[in-house]
N, C-alpha and C. Protein backbone atom coordinates (compact mmCIF):
# COMPACT_ATOMS: atom_id res chain seq x y z
N MET A 1 295.29 8.48 26.20
CA MET A 1 293.98 8.20 25.51
C MET A 1 292.90 9.11 26.54
N TRP A 2 292.14 9.85 26.16
CA TRP A 2 291.18 10.60 26.71
C TRP A 2 289.64 10.27 26.09
N PHE A 3 288.95 10.16 27.31
CA PHE A 3 287.29 9.75 27.12
C PHE A 3 286.34 10.80 27.68
N GLU A 4 285.55 11.42 26.73
CA GLU A 4 284.77 12.34 27.60
C GLU A 4 283.48 11.49 27.59
N LEU A 5 282.74 11.66 28.55
CA LEU A 5 281.62 11.11 28.99
C LEU A 5 280.33 11.76 28.98
N ASP A 6 278.98 11.39 28.85
CA ASP A 6 277.89 12.20 28.57
C ASP A 6 277.72 12.85 30.01
N ASP A 7 278.14 12.65 30.97
CA ASP A 7 278.17 13.41 32.45
C ASP A 7 279.18 14.29 32.50
N ASP A 8 279.72 14.76 31.30
CA ASP A 8 280.74 15.88 31.47
C ASP A 8 282.16 15.37 32.19
N ARG A 9 282.11 14.16 32.43
CA ARG A 9 283.65 13.83 32.97
C ARG A 9 284.46 13.45 31.91
N THR A 10 285.90 13.60 32.20
CA THR A 10 286.73 13.47 31.33
C THR A 10 287.77 12.35 31.84
N LEU A 11 288.10 11.14 31.47
CA LEU A 11 288.81 10.20 31.73
C LEU A 11 290.05 10.03 30.78
N GLY A 12 291.33 10.15 31.62
CA GLY A 12 292.61 9.89 30.92
C GLY A 12 293.29 8.77 31.13
N MET A 13 293.45 7.79 30.17
CA MET A 13 294.17 6.34 30.56
C MET A 13 295.44 6.38 29.53
N PRO A 14 296.45 5.88 30.29
CA PRO A 14 297.67 5.67 29.18
C PRO A 14 297.58 4.81 28.39
N LEU A 15 297.56 5.18 27.02
CA LEU A 15 297.62 4.23 25.82
C LEU A 15 298.40 2.90 25.96
N ALA A 16 299.48 2.91 27.16
CA ALA A 16 300.02 1.67 27.26
C ALA A 16 299.29 0.65 27.70
N TRP A 17 298.17 1.05 28.42
CA TRP A 17 297.49 -0.04 28.99
C TRP A 17 296.75 -0.87 28.08
N PHE A 18 296.63 -0.38 26.81
CA PHE A 18 295.96 -1.04 25.73
C PHE A 18 296.95 -1.45 24.48
N PRO A 19 297.99 -2.38 24.99
CA PRO A 19 298.83 -2.66 23.82
C PRO A 19 298.53 -2.98 22.33
N GLN A 20 297.23 -3.47 21.99
CA GLN A 20 296.59 -3.71 20.64
C GLN A 20 296.36 -2.04 20.11
N LEU A 21 296.10 -1.28 20.97
CA LEU A 21 295.79 0.08 20.33
C LEU A 21 297.10 0.93 20.40
N PHE A 22 298.05 0.50 21.23
CA PHE A 22 299.27 1.25 21.42
C PHE A 22 300.33 1.07 19.92
N GLY A 23 300.26 -0.11 19.38
CA GLY A 23 300.85 -0.12 18.48
C GLY A 23 299.99 -0.23 16.93
N ALA A 24 298.99 0.25 16.87
CA ALA A 24 297.88 0.01 15.64
C ALA A 24 298.20 1.29 14.93
N SER A 25 298.00 1.27 13.76
CA SER A 25 298.13 2.31 12.78
C SER A 25 296.75 3.19 12.78
N PRO A 26 296.90 4.46 12.50
CA PRO A 26 296.10 5.33 12.53
C PRO A 26 294.60 5.01 11.81
N ALA A 27 295.08 4.25 10.70
CA ALA A 27 293.76 3.75 10.02
C ALA A 27 292.90 2.56 10.78
N ASP A 28 293.76 1.92 11.44
CA ASP A 28 293.15 0.78 12.28
C ASP A 28 292.39 1.74 13.58
N LEU A 29 293.16 2.55 14.19
CA LEU A 29 292.55 3.26 15.05
C LEU A 29 291.08 4.04 14.67
N GLY A 30 291.18 4.23 13.44
CA GLY A 30 289.82 4.92 12.86
C GLY A 30 288.91 4.30 12.68
N THR A 31 288.88 2.94 13.07
CA THR A 31 287.94 1.77 12.75
C THR A 31 287.01 1.73 14.02
N VAL A 32 287.06 2.52 14.91
CA VAL A 32 286.47 2.22 16.45
C VAL A 32 284.92 2.24 16.06
N GLN A 33 284.04 1.37 16.85
CA GLN A 33 283.09 1.68 17.00
C GLN A 33 282.24 1.98 18.26
N ILE A 34 281.39 2.73 18.34
CA ILE A 34 281.19 3.16 19.56
C ILE A 34 279.85 2.87 20.13
N SER A 35 279.71 2.34 21.33
CA SER A 35 278.28 1.88 21.83
C SER A 35 277.94 2.43 23.08
N GLN A 36 276.84 2.31 23.82
CA GLN A 36 276.78 2.67 24.97
C GLN A 36 277.35 2.09 26.14
N HIS A 37 277.96 0.76 25.81
CA HIS A 37 278.68 -0.05 26.59
C HIS A 37 280.38 0.48 26.71
N GLY A 38 280.85 1.00 25.32
CA GLY A 38 282.15 1.06 25.10
C GLY A 38 282.62 1.34 23.75
N LEU A 39 283.82 0.69 23.65
CA LEU A 39 284.67 0.76 22.44
C LEU A 39 284.99 -0.28 21.67
N HIS A 40 285.01 -0.35 20.77
CA HIS A 40 285.02 -1.84 19.89
C HIS A 40 285.89 -1.57 18.47
N TRP A 41 287.28 -2.33 18.27
CA TRP A 41 287.92 -2.28 17.16
C TRP A 41 287.80 -3.66 16.50
N GLU A 42 286.98 -3.88 15.68
CA GLU A 42 286.89 -5.23 15.22
C GLU A 42 288.38 -5.81 14.48
N THR A 43 289.15 -4.81 14.03
CA THR A 43 290.27 -5.27 13.12
C THR A 43 291.20 -5.51 14.15
N LEU A 44 291.21 -4.94 15.38
CA LEU A 44 292.42 -4.98 16.14
C LEU A 44 291.89 -6.01 17.24
N ASP A 45 290.79 -6.61 17.44
CA ASP A 45 289.75 -7.38 18.36
C ASP A 45 290.22 -6.90 19.72
N GLU A 46 289.87 -5.71 19.67
CA GLU A 46 290.16 -4.90 21.04
C GLU A 46 288.78 -4.40 21.40
N ASP A 47 288.47 -4.39 22.67
CA ASP A 47 287.18 -3.77 23.42
C ASP A 47 287.35 -3.08 24.57
N ILE A 48 287.08 -1.80 24.62
CA ILE A 48 287.20 -1.03 26.08
C ILE A 48 285.86 -0.99 26.82
N ALA A 49 285.74 -1.55 27.71
CA ALA A 49 284.19 -1.13 28.48
C ALA A 49 284.34 -0.08 29.16
N ILE A 50 283.26 0.73 29.05
CA ILE A 50 283.07 1.97 29.92
C ILE A 50 283.26 1.82 31.79
N ALA A 51 282.72 0.82 31.87
CA ALA A 51 282.70 0.18 33.34
C ALA A 51 284.23 -0.06 33.74
N GLY A 52 285.08 -0.72 32.97
CA GLY A 52 286.42 -1.00 33.08
C GLY A 52 287.18 0.38 33.16
N LEU A 53 286.73 1.27 32.25
CA LEU A 53 287.59 2.61 32.70
C LEU A 53 287.29 3.25 33.68
N LEU A 54 285.98 3.40 34.20
CA LEU A 54 285.53 3.90 35.54
C LEU A 54 286.51 3.54 36.75
N ALA A 55 286.47 1.87 36.69
CA ALA A 55 287.11 1.25 37.49
C ALA A 55 288.71 1.08 37.40
N GLY A 56 289.34 1.85 36.41
CA GLY A 56 290.68 2.25 36.29
C GLY A 56 291.51 0.95 35.53
N ARG A 57 290.63 0.24 34.93
CA ARG A 57 291.36 -1.20 34.68
C ARG A 57 291.51 -0.90 32.84
N GLY A 58 292.88 -1.13 32.72
CA GLY A 58 293.19 -1.53 31.34
C GLY A 58 293.15 -3.01 30.38
N ASP A 59 293.89 -3.01 29.93
CA ASP A 59 293.91 -4.44 29.09
C ASP A 59 294.17 -5.52 30.42
N ARG A 60 293.10 -6.50 30.54
CA ARG A 60 293.53 -7.62 31.50
C ARG A 60 294.40 -8.38 30.98
N ALA A 61 294.79 -8.51 29.73
CA ALA A 61 295.94 -9.49 29.30
C ALA A 61 297.05 -9.08 29.50
N MET A 62 297.27 -7.81 29.89
CA MET A 62 298.75 -7.14 30.28
C MET A 62 299.03 -8.16 31.67
N PHE A 63 298.37 -8.47 32.28
CA PHE A 63 298.76 -9.36 33.76
C PHE A 63 298.18 -10.64 33.85
N PRO A 64 298.15 -11.44 32.81
CA PRO A 64 297.17 -12.62 32.82
C PRO A 64 297.36 -13.63 34.13
N LYS A 65 298.26 -13.57 34.71
CA LYS A 65 298.36 -14.41 35.60
C LYS A 65 298.71 -13.91 37.19
N THR A 66 299.05 -12.76 37.26
CA THR A 66 299.51 -12.20 38.50
C THR A 66 298.44 -11.50 39.22
N GLY A 67 297.28 -11.10 38.57
CA GLY A 67 296.10 -10.39 39.14
C GLY A 67 296.08 -9.24 39.70
N LEU A 68 297.27 -8.63 39.09
CA LEU A 68 297.47 -7.09 39.42
C LEU A 68 296.35 -6.17 39.31
N LEU A 69 295.34 -6.44 38.16
CA LEU A 69 294.58 -5.70 37.84
C LEU A 69 293.24 -6.00 38.40
N ASP A 70 293.36 -6.79 39.23
CA ASP A 70 292.19 -7.34 40.18
C ASP A 70 291.76 -6.44 41.32
N ALA A 71 290.43 -6.22 41.72
CA ALA A 71 290.20 -5.66 42.90
C ALA A 71 290.55 -6.20 44.28
N PRO A 72 291.05 -5.65 45.33
CA PRO A 72 291.40 -6.14 46.57
C PRO A 72 289.99 -6.99 47.25
N LYS A 73 290.44 -8.10 47.67
CA LYS A 73 289.39 -8.88 48.22
C LYS A 73 289.03 -8.77 49.53
């Protein structure tokens, strides 16, 4: 999945980082709402924050107990 930002940066993220989107139909993917903070799919109950993309985070539900997506302390 590719994201173009207003500052001309392009971010690429594996779709597998977002399981709700990975298995979604094209019709459901087309219902995305775009805001200044990120992307939202009401029908899929999925939100992707721009800040999370910049930090390299995918769906935090992928690793709920391991903390693998948490920043080092």
